[in-house]
Amino acid sequence: TMTLAELNKAAESANLTEARRHFQQLLADPKTSSKTVVWNTLLKAHANAGDLVGAERCFREMEQKGVRTNEKTYGKLVEAAAKAAEP
């Protein structure tokens, strides 16, 4: 969908405000709300911004909502931790 592409673009530029906005639109749609790729893309935004706290919060929300995780999910968490630790 166009919104997923827009979410990805915001994630790549670490624009958390835009990423959250697109994510909320995808979350409102039952066809995309539980898709791992949507959640992982939001994790990517947090990782690129070096926002470990936000990434952890997103991950916990994924678990609570029963969204399936995969290797990319954990990779983005590691990336967020690494970028948060950078000086």
N, C-alpha and C. Protein backbone atom coordinates (compact mmCIF):
# COMPACT_ATOMS: atom_id res chain seq x y z
N THR A 1 0.84 -1.19 0.00
CA THR A 1 0.00 0.00 0.00
C THR A 1 0.88 1.24 0.00
N MET A 2 0.30 2.32 -0.41
CA MET A 2 1.04 3.58 -0.45
C MET A 2 1.47 4.00 0.95
N THR A 3 0.61 3.77 1.93
CA THR A 3 0.93 4.19 3.29
C THR A 3 2.14 3.42 3.83
N LEU A 4 2.27 2.13 3.49
CA LEU A 4 3.44 1.37 3.93
C LEU A 4 4.70 1.95 3.30
N ALA A 5 4.62 2.33 2.04
CA ALA A 5 5.76 2.96 1.37
C ALA A 5 6.11 4.29 2.06
N GLU A 6 5.09 5.04 2.42
CA GLU A 6 5.31 6.31 3.12
C GLU A 6 5.88 6.07 4.52
N LEU A 7 5.40 5.04 5.18
CA LEU A 7 5.93 4.68 6.49
C LEU A 7 7.41 4.32 6.36
N ASN A 8 7.74 3.54 5.35
CA ASN A 8 9.13 3.14 5.14
C ASN A 8 10.02 4.34 4.84
N LYS A 9 9.52 5.26 4.05
CA LYS A 9 10.29 6.46 3.72
C LYS A 9 10.57 7.28 4.99
N ALA A 10 9.56 7.44 5.82
CA ALA A 10 9.73 8.16 7.09
C ALA A 10 10.69 7.40 8.01
N ALA A 11 10.60 6.08 8.01
CA ALA A 11 11.48 5.25 8.85
C ALA A 11 12.93 5.39 8.42
N GLU A 12 13.16 5.38 7.11
CA GLU A 12 14.53 5.50 6.60
C GLU A 12 15.15 6.84 6.95
N SER A 13 14.33 7.88 7.02
CA SER A 13 14.87 9.20 7.37
C SER A 13 14.76 9.49 8.87
N ALA A 14 14.38 8.47 9.64
CA ALA A 14 14.28 8.58 11.11
C ALA A 14 13.29 9.66 11.54
N ASN A 15 12.27 9.89 10.73
CA ASN A 15 11.23 10.87 11.05
C ASN A 15 10.13 10.16 11.84
N LEU A 16 10.28 10.14 13.17
CA LEU A 16 9.35 9.40 14.02
C LEU A 16 7.94 9.97 13.97
N THR A 17 7.80 11.26 13.86
CA THR A 17 6.47 11.87 13.82
C THR A 17 5.70 11.40 12.60
N GLU A 18 6.34 11.46 11.45
CA GLU A 18 5.69 11.00 10.21
C GLU A 18 5.47 9.49 10.25
N ALA A 19 6.46 8.75 10.74
CA ALA A 19 6.34 7.29 10.80
C ALA A 19 5.14 6.90 11.67
N ARG A 20 5.00 7.52 12.81
CA ARG A 20 3.87 7.22 13.71
C ARG A 20 2.53 7.54 13.03
N ARG A 21 2.49 8.64 12.31
CA ARG A 21 1.25 9.03 11.62
C ARG A 21 0.83 7.97 10.60
N HIS A 22 1.79 7.53 9.78
CA HIS A 22 1.48 6.50 8.78
C HIS A 22 1.18 5.17 9.46
N PHE A 23 1.90 4.86 10.53
CA PHE A 23 1.67 3.62 11.27
C PHE A 23 0.24 3.59 11.82
N GLN A 24 -0.22 4.69 12.37
CA GLN A 24 -1.58 4.75 12.93
C GLN A 24 -2.63 4.49 11.85
N GLN A 25 -2.37 4.99 10.65
CA GLN A 25 -3.30 4.73 9.53
C GLN A 25 -3.34 3.24 9.21
N LEU A 26 -2.17 2.61 9.18
CA LEU A 26 -2.09 1.18 8.88
C LEU A 26 -2.70 0.36 10.02
N LEU A 27 -2.56 0.83 11.23
CA LEU A 27 -3.09 0.14 12.40
C LEU A 27 -4.62 0.16 12.38
N ALA A 28 -5.19 1.20 11.82
CA ALA A 28 -6.65 1.33 11.76
C ALA A 28 -7.29 0.39 10.74
N ASP A 29 -6.47 -0.15 9.85
CA ASP A 29 -6.97 -1.05 8.80
C ASP A 29 -6.77 -2.50 9.24
N PRO A 30 -7.86 -3.27 9.40
CA PRO A 30 -7.74 -4.66 9.84
C PRO A 30 -6.86 -5.53 8.93
N LYS A 31 -6.74 -5.12 7.66
CA LYS A 31 -5.92 -5.91 6.73
C LYS A 31 -4.42 -5.75 7.00
N THR A 32 -4.03 -4.63 7.61
CA THR A 32 -2.59 -4.37 7.81
C THR A 32 -2.20 -4.25 9.28
N SER A 33 -3.17 -4.18 10.18
CA SER A 33 -2.86 -3.88 11.59
C SER A 33 -1.98 -4.93 12.27
N SER A 34 -2.07 -6.19 11.85
CA SER A 34 -1.27 -7.21 12.51
C SER A 34 -0.13 -7.74 11.64
N LYS A 35 0.15 -7.06 10.55
CA LYS A 35 1.23 -7.50 9.67
C LYS A 35 2.59 -7.17 10.29
N THR A 36 3.43 -8.18 10.37
CA THR A 36 4.76 -8.01 10.96
C THR A 36 5.54 -6.91 10.26
N VAL A 37 5.44 -6.83 8.94
CA VAL A 37 6.21 -5.83 8.18
C VAL A 37 5.85 -4.41 8.60
N VAL A 38 4.61 -4.17 8.92
CA VAL A 38 4.18 -2.83 9.35
C VAL A 38 4.85 -2.46 10.68
N TRP A 39 4.80 -3.39 11.61
CA TRP A 39 5.40 -3.15 12.93
C TRP A 39 6.92 -3.05 12.82
N ASN A 40 7.52 -3.92 12.01
CA ASN A 40 8.98 -3.87 11.84
C ASN A 40 9.43 -2.55 11.22
N THR A 41 8.60 -1.99 10.36
CA THR A 41 8.95 -0.72 9.73
C THR A 41 8.91 0.40 10.76
N LEU A 42 7.96 0.35 11.69
CA LEU A 42 7.96 1.33 12.78
C LEU A 42 9.19 1.13 13.66
N LEU A 43 9.55 -0.12 13.92
CA LEU A 43 10.78 -0.40 14.69
C LEU A 43 12.00 0.19 13.98
N LYS A 44 12.00 0.11 12.65
CA LYS A 44 13.09 0.66 11.85
C LYS A 44 13.22 2.17 12.07
N ALA A 45 12.08 2.86 12.17
CA ALA A 45 12.10 4.31 12.43
C ALA A 45 12.75 4.59 13.78
N HIS A 46 12.37 3.82 14.80
CA HIS A 46 12.96 4.00 16.13
C HIS A 46 14.45 3.67 16.10
N ALA A 47 14.82 2.61 15.38
CA ALA A 47 16.23 2.22 15.29
C ALA A 47 17.05 3.32 14.62
N ASN A 48 16.56 3.82 13.50
CA ASN A 48 17.30 4.86 12.77
C ASN A 48 17.42 6.15 13.57
N ALA A 49 16.46 6.38 14.46
CA ALA A 49 16.51 7.57 15.32
C ALA A 49 17.33 7.31 16.59
N GLY A 50 17.79 6.07 16.77
CA GLY A 50 18.54 5.73 17.98
C GLY A 50 17.65 5.77 19.22
N ASP A 51 16.36 5.51 19.02
CA ASP A 51 15.37 5.57 20.10
C ASP A 51 15.10 4.17 20.64
N LEU A 52 15.96 3.72 21.54
CA LEU A 52 15.82 2.38 22.10
C LEU A 52 14.56 2.26 22.94
N VAL A 53 14.25 3.27 23.73
CA VAL A 53 13.05 3.22 24.58
C VAL A 53 11.79 3.06 23.72
N GLY A 54 11.71 3.83 22.66
CA GLY A 54 10.56 3.74 21.76
C GLY A 54 10.50 2.39 21.06
N ALA A 55 11.66 1.86 20.68
CA ALA A 55 11.71 0.55 20.02
C ALA A 55 11.25 -0.54 20.98
N GLU A 56 11.70 -0.47 22.23
CA GLU A 56 11.28 -1.46 23.22
C GLU A 56 9.78 -1.38 23.48
N ARG A 57 9.25 -0.17 23.53
CA ARG A 57 7.81 0.03 23.75
C ARG A 57 7.03 -0.57 22.58
N CYS A 58 7.49 -0.33 21.37
CA CYS A 58 6.85 -0.86 20.17
C CYS A 58 6.87 -2.39 20.20
N PHE A 59 8.01 -2.96 20.57
CA PHE A 59 8.15 -4.42 20.63
C PHE A 59 7.18 -5.01 21.66
N ARG A 60 7.09 -4.40 22.83
CA ARG A 60 6.17 -4.89 23.86
C ARG A 60 4.72 -4.83 23.36
N GLU A 61 4.40 -3.77 22.64
CA GLU A 61 3.05 -3.63 22.09
C GLU A 61 2.79 -4.74 21.05
N MET A 62 3.79 -5.05 20.25
CA MET A 62 3.66 -6.15 19.28
C MET A 62 3.31 -7.44 20.01
N GLU A 63 4.06 -7.73 21.08
CA GLU A 63 3.83 -8.96 21.85
C GLU A 63 2.42 -8.97 22.45
N GLN A 64 2.01 -7.84 23.02
CA GLN A 64 0.70 -7.76 23.66
C GLN A 64 -0.43 -7.97 22.65
N LYS A 65 -0.23 -7.50 21.43
CA LYS A 65 -1.26 -7.62 20.40
C LYS A 65 -1.16 -8.94 19.62
N GLY A 66 -0.17 -9.75 19.97
CA GLY A 66 -0.02 -11.04 19.31
C GLY A 66 0.51 -10.96 17.89
N VAL A 67 1.21 -9.88 17.57
CA VAL A 67 1.80 -9.74 16.23
C VAL A 67 3.02 -10.66 16.15
N ARG A 68 3.09 -11.43 15.10
CA ARG A 68 4.20 -12.36 14.92
C ARG A 68 5.51 -11.59 14.73
N THR A 69 6.57 -12.04 15.40
CA THR A 69 7.89 -11.43 15.24
C THR A 69 8.74 -12.32 14.36
N ASN A 70 9.82 -11.76 13.82
CA ASN A 70 10.75 -12.55 13.02
C ASN A 70 12.17 -12.02 13.22
N GLU A 71 13.11 -12.53 12.46
CA GLU A 71 14.51 -12.12 12.65
C GLU A 71 14.71 -10.62 12.42
N LYS A 72 13.92 -10.04 11.53
CA LYS A 72 14.05 -8.60 11.28
C LYS A 72 13.60 -7.79 12.50
N THR A 73 12.60 -8.29 13.21
CA THR A 73 12.13 -7.62 14.42
C THR A 73 13.29 -7.48 15.40
N TYR A 74 13.98 -8.59 15.65
CA TYR A 74 15.07 -8.59 16.62
C TYR A 74 16.28 -7.81 16.10
N GLY A 75 16.49 -7.85 14.79
CA GLY A 75 17.57 -7.07 14.18
C GLY A 75 17.39 -5.58 14.40
N LYS A 76 16.14 -5.12 14.28
CA LYS A 76 15.87 -3.69 14.48
C LYS A 76 16.04 -3.31 15.95
N LEU A 77 15.71 -4.21 16.86
CA LEU A 77 15.93 -3.93 18.29
C LEU A 77 17.42 -3.79 18.58
N VAL A 78 18.22 -4.69 18.02
CA VAL A 78 19.67 -4.63 18.20
C VAL A 78 20.21 -3.34 17.58
N GLU A 79 19.73 -3.00 16.40
CA GLU A 79 20.16 -1.77 15.73
C GLU A 79 19.81 -0.53 16.57
N ALA A 80 18.62 -0.52 17.15
CA ALA A 80 18.21 0.61 18.00
C ALA A 80 19.13 0.72 19.21
N ALA A 81 19.49 -0.41 19.81
CA ALA A 81 20.38 -0.41 20.97
C ALA A 81 21.76 0.10 20.58
N ALA A 82 22.25 -0.35 19.42
CA ALA A 82 23.57 0.06 18.95
C ALA A 82 23.61 1.56 18.66
N LYS A 83 22.59 2.06 17.97
CA LYS A 83 22.57 3.49 17.63
C LYS A 83 22.35 4.36 18.86
N ALA A 84 21.59 3.85 19.82
CA ALA A 84 21.37 4.62 21.05
C ALA A 84 22.66 4.74 21.84
N ALA A 85 23.55 3.77 21.70
CA ALA A 85 24.81 3.75 22.44
C ALA A 85 25.91 4.57 21.75
N GLU A 86 25.68 4.96 20.49
CA GLU A 86 26.69 5.73 19.76
C GLU A 86 26.82 7.12 20.39
N PRO A 87 28.07 7.63 20.46
CA PRO A 87 28.26 8.98 21.04
C PRO A 87 27.71 10.08 20.14
